[in-house]
PDB file of N, CA and C in Angstrom:
ATOM      1  N   MET A   1      -6.837 -81.196  97.785  1.00  0.00           N
ATOM      2  CA  MET A   1      -7.489 -79.869  98.484  1.00  0.00           C
ATOM      3  C   MET A   1      -6.529 -79.422  96.684  1.00  0.00           C
ATOM      4  N   THR A   2      -5.949 -79.267  96.887  1.00  0.00           N
ATOM      5  CA  THR A   2      -4.765 -77.870  95.380  1.00  0.00           C
ATOM      6  C   THR A   2      -5.399 -78.808  94.597  1.00  0.00           C
ATOM      7  N   LYS A   3      -5.173 -79.936  94.208  1.00  0.00           N
ATOM      8  CA  LYS A   3      -5.787 -81.021  92.843  1.00  0.00           C
ATOM      9  C   LYS A   3      -7.287 -80.785  92.165  1.00  0.00           C
ATOM     10  N   TYR A   4      -7.966 -80.529  93.486  1.00  0.00           N
ATOM     11  CA  TYR A   4      -9.229 -80.248  92.888  1.00  0.00           C
ATOM     12  C   TYR A   4      -9.184 -79.146  92.425  1.00  0.00           C
ATOM     13  N   ILE A   5      -8.356 -77.461  93.120  1.00  0.00           N
ATOM     14  CA  ILE A   5      -8.863 -76.267  92.841  1.00  0.00           C
ATOM     15  C   ILE A   5      -8.199 -76.420  91.724  1.00  0.00           C
ATOM     16  N   LEU A   6      -6.365 -77.125  90.978  1.00  0.00           N
ATOM     17  CA  LEU A   6      -5.602 -76.982  89.942  1.00  0.00           C
ATOM     18  C   LEU A   6      -6.834 -77.436  88.956  1.00  0.00           C
ATOM     19  N   PHE A   7      -7.073 -78.861  89.228  1.00  0.00           N
ATOM     20  CA  PHE A   7      -8.217 -79.304  88.129  1.00  0.00           C
ATOM     21  C   PHE A   7      -9.465 -78.214  87.800  1.00  0.00           C
ATOM     22  N   SER A   8     -10.107 -77.484  87.966  1.00  0.00           N
ATOM     23  CA  SER A   8     -10.943 -76.655  88.482  1.00  0.00           C
ATOM     24  C   SER A   8     -10.996 -74.791  87.421  1.00  0.00           C
ATOM     25  N   PHE A   9     -10.031 -75.144  87.964  1.00  0.00           N
ATOM     26  CA  PHE A   9      -8.570 -73.908  87.270  1.00  0.00           C
ATOM     27  C   PHE A   9      -8.367 -74.023  85.481  1.00  0.00           C
ATOM     28  N   CYS A  10      -7.670 -75.636  85.721  1.00  0.00           N
ATOM     29  CA  CYS A  10      -7.939 -76.029  84.089  1.00  0.00           C
ATOM     30  C   CYS A  10      -9.628 -75.891  83.141  1.00  0.00           C
ATOM     31  N   LEU A  11     -10.554 -76.676  84.087  1.00  0.00           N
ATOM     32  CA  LEU A  11     -11.203 -76.826  83.247  1.00  0.00           C
ATOM     33  C   LEU A  11     -12.250 -75.180  82.726  1.00  0.00           C
ATOM     34  N   VAL A  12     -12.634 -74.374  83.566  1.00  0.00           N
ATOM     35  CA  VAL A  12     -12.113 -72.484  83.669  1.00  0.00           C
ATOM     36  C   VAL A  12     -11.569 -72.167  82.105  1.00  0.00           C
ATOM     37  N   LEU A  13     -10.416 -72.882  82.091  1.00  0.00           N
ATOM     38  CA  LEU A  13      -9.303 -72.360  81.452  1.00  0.00           C
ATOM     39  C   LEU A  13      -9.571 -72.730  79.358  1.00  0.00           C
ATOM     40  N   ILE A  14      -9.967 -73.989  80.304  1.00  0.00           N
ATOM     41  CA  ILE A  14     -10.494 -75.126  78.964  1.00  0.00           C
ATOM     42  C   ILE A  14     -11.740 -74.787  77.680  1.00  0.00           C
ATOM     43  N   TYR A  15     -12.697 -74.404  78.392  1.00  0.00           N
ATOM     44  CA  TYR A  15     -14.214 -73.402  77.419  1.00  0.00           C
ATOM     45  C   TYR A  15     -13.104 -72.309  76.883  1.00  0.00           C
ATOM     46  N   PRO A  16     -13.121 -71.369  76.669  1.00  0.00           N
ATOM     47  CA  PRO A  16     -12.644 -70.464  76.340  1.00  0.00           C
ATOM     48  C   PRO A  16     -11.743 -71.215  74.279  1.00  0.00           C
ATOM     49  N   LEU A  17     -11.074 -71.877  74.815  1.00  0.00           N
ATOM     50  CA  LEU A  17     -10.935 -72.699  73.683  1.00  0.00           C
ATOM     51  C   LEU A  17     -11.364 -73.391  73.400  1.00  0.00           C
ATOM     52  N   GLY A  18     -12.314 -73.873  73.471  1.00  0.00           N
ATOM     53  CA  GLY A  18     -13.374 -74.585  72.956  1.00  0.00           C
ATOM     54  C   GLY A  18     -14.258 -73.822  71.588  1.00  0.00           C
ATOM     55  N   VAL A  19     -14.414 -72.701  72.536  1.00  0.00           N
ATOM     56  CA  VAL A  19     -15.133 -71.598  72.566  1.00  0.00           C
ATOM     57  C   VAL A  19     -14.448 -70.655  70.468  1.00  0.00           C
ATOM     58  N   ASP A  20     -13.164 -71.355  70.832  1.00  0.00           N
ATOM     59  CA  ASP A  20     -12.897 -70.981  69.611  1.00  0.00           C
ATOM     60  C   ASP A  20     -11.925 -71.632  69.085  1.00  0.00           C
ATOM     61  N   LEU A  21     -11.772 -72.875  69.362  1.00  0.00           N
ATOM     62  CA  LEU A  21     -11.977 -73.775  68.042  1.00  0.00           C
ATOM     63  C   LEU A  21     -13.176 -73.792  67.202  1.00  0.00           C
ATOM     64  N   HIS A  22     -14.633 -73.843  68.506  1.00  0.00           N
ATOM     65  CA  HIS A  22     -15.542 -74.202  67.966  1.00  0.00           C
ATOM     66  C   HIS A  22     -16.307 -72.932  65.424  1.00  0.00           C
ATOM     67  N   LEU A  23     -15.747 -71.776  66.517  1.00  0.00           N
ATOM     68  CA  LEU A  23     -16.075 -70.584  65.592  1.00  0.00           C
ATOM     69  C   LEU A  23     -14.597 -70.602  64.751  1.00  0.00           C
ATOM     70  N   THR A  24     -14.129 -70.871  64.693  1.00  0.00           N
ATOM     71  CA  THR A  24     -13.044 -71.627  63.483  1.00  0.00           C
ATOM     72  C   THR A  24     -13.432 -72.047  62.237  1.00  0.00           C
ATOM     73  N   GLY A  25     -14.412 -73.228  63.420  1.00  0.00           N
ATOM     74  CA  GLY A  25     -14.685 -74.370  62.709  1.00  0.00           C
ATOM     75  C   GLY A  25     -15.725 -74.792  61.938  1.00  0.00           C
ATOM     76  N   LEU A  26     -16.834 -72.927  61.833  1.00  0.00           N
ATOM     77  CA  LEU A  26     -17.969 -72.417  61.227  1.00  0.00           C
ATOM     78  C   LEU A  26     -17.690 -73.035  60.302  1.00  0.00           C
ATOM     79  N   THR A  27     -17.117 -72.851  59.557  1.00  0.00           N
ATOM     80  CA  THR A  27     -17.440 -72.574  57.607  1.00  0.00           C
ATOM     81  C   THR A  27     -17.436 -73.931  57.489  1.00  0.00           C
ATOM     82  N   ALA A  28     -15.861 -74.739  57.342  1.00  0.00           N
ATOM     83  CA  ALA A  28     -15.653 -76.092  57.019  1.00  0.00           C
ATOM     84  C   ALA A  28     -17.523 -77.014  57.650  1.00  0.00           C
ATOM     85  N   ILE A  29     -17.764 -76.024  58.950  1.00  0.00           N
ATOM     86  CA  ILE A  29     -19.169 -77.355  58.902  1.00  0.00           C
ATOM     87  C   ILE A  29     -20.654 -77.114  57.670  1.00  0.00           C
ATOM     88  N   ALA A  30     -19.944 -75.131  57.991  1.00  0.00           N
ATOM     89  CA  ALA A  30     -21.455 -75.383  57.207  1.00  0.00           C
ATOM     90  C   ALA A  30     -21.592 -75.732  55.962  1.00  0.00           C
ATOM     91  N   ASN A  31     -19.757 -75.947  54.985  1.00  0.00           N
ATOM     92  CA  ASN A  31     -20.192 -76.052  54.185  1.00  0.00           C
ATOM     93  C   ASN A  31     -19.878 -77.747  53.563  1.00  0.00           C
ATOM     94  N   ASP A  32     -20.249 -78.536  55.002  1.00  0.00           N
ATOM     95  CA  ASP A  32     -20.710 -79.575  54.524  1.00  0.00           C
ATOM     96  C   ASP A  32     -21.595 -80.009  55.061  1.00  0.00           C
ATOM     97  N   LEU A  33     -22.103 -79.183  56.124  1.00  0.00           N
ATOM     98  CA  LEU A  33     -23.597 -79.027  55.719  1.00  0.00           C
ATOM     99  C   LEU A  33     -24.889 -78.679  54.621  1.00  0.00           C
ATOM    100  N   ASN A  34     -23.671 -78.541  52.933  1.00  0.00           N
ATOM    101  CA  ASN A  34     -24.749 -77.717  53.031  1.00  0.00           C
ATOM    102  C   ASN A  34     -25.319 -76.228  53.333  1.00  0.00           C
ATOM    103  N   ALA A  35     -24.551 -75.187  54.723  1.00  0.00           N
ATOM    104  CA  ALA A  35     -26.276 -74.808  54.443  1.00  0.00           C
ATOM    105  C   ALA A  35     -25.058 -73.534  55.077  1.00  0.00           C
ATOM    106  N   SER A  36     -25.571 -72.646  55.087  1.00  0.00           N
ATOM    107  CA  SER A  36     -24.789 -70.770  55.653  1.00  0.00           C
ATOM    108  C   SER A  36     -24.206 -70.742  57.228  1.00  0.00           C
ATOM    109  N   GLU A  37     -23.469 -70.115  57.610  1.00  0.00           N
ATOM    110  CA  GLU A  37     -23.207 -70.022  59.276  1.00  0.00           C
ATOM    111  C   GLU A  37     -24.247 -69.501  59.681  1.00  0.00           C
ATOM    112  N   ALA A  38     -25.518 -68.441  58.743  1.00  0.00           N
ATOM    113  CA  ALA A  38     -26.336 -67.741  59.482  1.00  0.00           C
ATOM    114  C   ALA A  38     -27.159 -68.750  59.528  1.00  0.00           C
ATOM    115  N   THR A  39     -27.500 -69.986  59.290  1.00  0.00           N
ATOM    116  CA  THR A  39     -28.382 -70.961  59.461  1.00  0.00           C
ATOM    117  C   THR A  39     -27.957 -71.323  60.662  1.00  0.00           C
ATOM    118  N   LEU A  40     -26.549 -71.795  60.990  1.00  0.00           N
ATOM    119  CA  LEU A  40     -26.309 -71.868  61.891  1.00  0.00           C
ATOM    120  C   LEU A  40     -26.136 -71.070  63.341  1.00  0.00           C
ATOM    121  N   HIS A  41     -25.900 -70.155  62.304  1.00  0.00           N
ATOM    122  CA  HIS A  41     -25.558 -69.349  64.090  1.00  0.00           C
ATOM    123  C   HIS A  41     -26.741 -69.431  64.692  1.00  0.00           C
ATOM    124  N   GLN A  42     -28.005 -69.501  64.298  1.00  0.00           N
ATOM    125  CA  GLN A  42     -29.399 -68.757  64.729  1.00  0.00           C
ATOM    126  C   GLN A  42     -30.101 -70.558  65.452  1.00  0.00           C
ATOM    127  N   PHE A  43     -29.661 -71.662  64.258  1.00  0.00           N
ATOM    128  CA  PHE A  43     -29.567 -73.436  65.313  1.00  0.00           C
ATOM    129  C   PHE A  43     -28.856 -73.476  66.320  1.00  0.00           C
ATOM    130  N   MET A  44     -27.833 -72.891  66.427  1.00  0.00           N
ATOM    131  CA  MET A  44     -27.106 -73.197  67.941  1.00  0.00           C
ATOM    132  C   MET A  44     -27.702 -71.838  68.754  1.00  0.00           C
ATOM    133  N   HIS A  45     -27.824 -70.608  68.395  1.00  0.00           N
ATOM    134  CA  HIS A  45     -28.208 -69.949  69.746  1.00  0.00           C
ATOM    135  C   HIS A  45     -30.225 -70.604  69.950  1.00  0.00           C
ATOM    136  N   LYS A  46     -30.901 -70.633  68.993  1.00  0.00           N
ATOM    137  CA  LYS A  46     -32.240 -71.105  69.548  1.00  0.00           C
ATOM    138  C   LYS A  46     -31.944 -72.329  69.913  1.00  0.00           C
ATOM    139  N   ASN A  47     -30.951 -73.471  70.229  1.00  0.00           N
ATOM    140  CA  ASN A  47     -31.075 -74.948  71.312  1.00  0.00           C
ATOM    141  C   ASN A  47     -30.001 -74.512  71.788  1.00  0.00           C
ATOM    142  N   THR A  48     -29.055 -73.203  72.350  1.00  0.00           N
ATOM    143  CA  THR A  48     -28.797 -73.019  73.670  1.00  0.00           C
ATOM    144  C   THR A  48     -29.985 -71.670  74.623  1.00  0.00           C
ATOM    145  N   ASP A  49     -31.073 -71.220  74.226  1.00  0.00           N
ATOM    146  CA  ASP A  49     -31.681 -70.959  75.027  1.00  0.00           C
ATOM    147  C   ASP A  49     -32.469 -71.767  75.677  1.00  0.00           C
TER     148      ASP A  49
END
């Protein structure tokens, strides 16, 4: 049971890291796709609702 709780806790800690990495890479993603950051934000917001 302790391993399960520890694993769950690690998953909770990893999520914010993924969000932070995504946001810092947004400029590079926009440059690669020849799109503006605002366009990417709109696309991601539309597809997550």
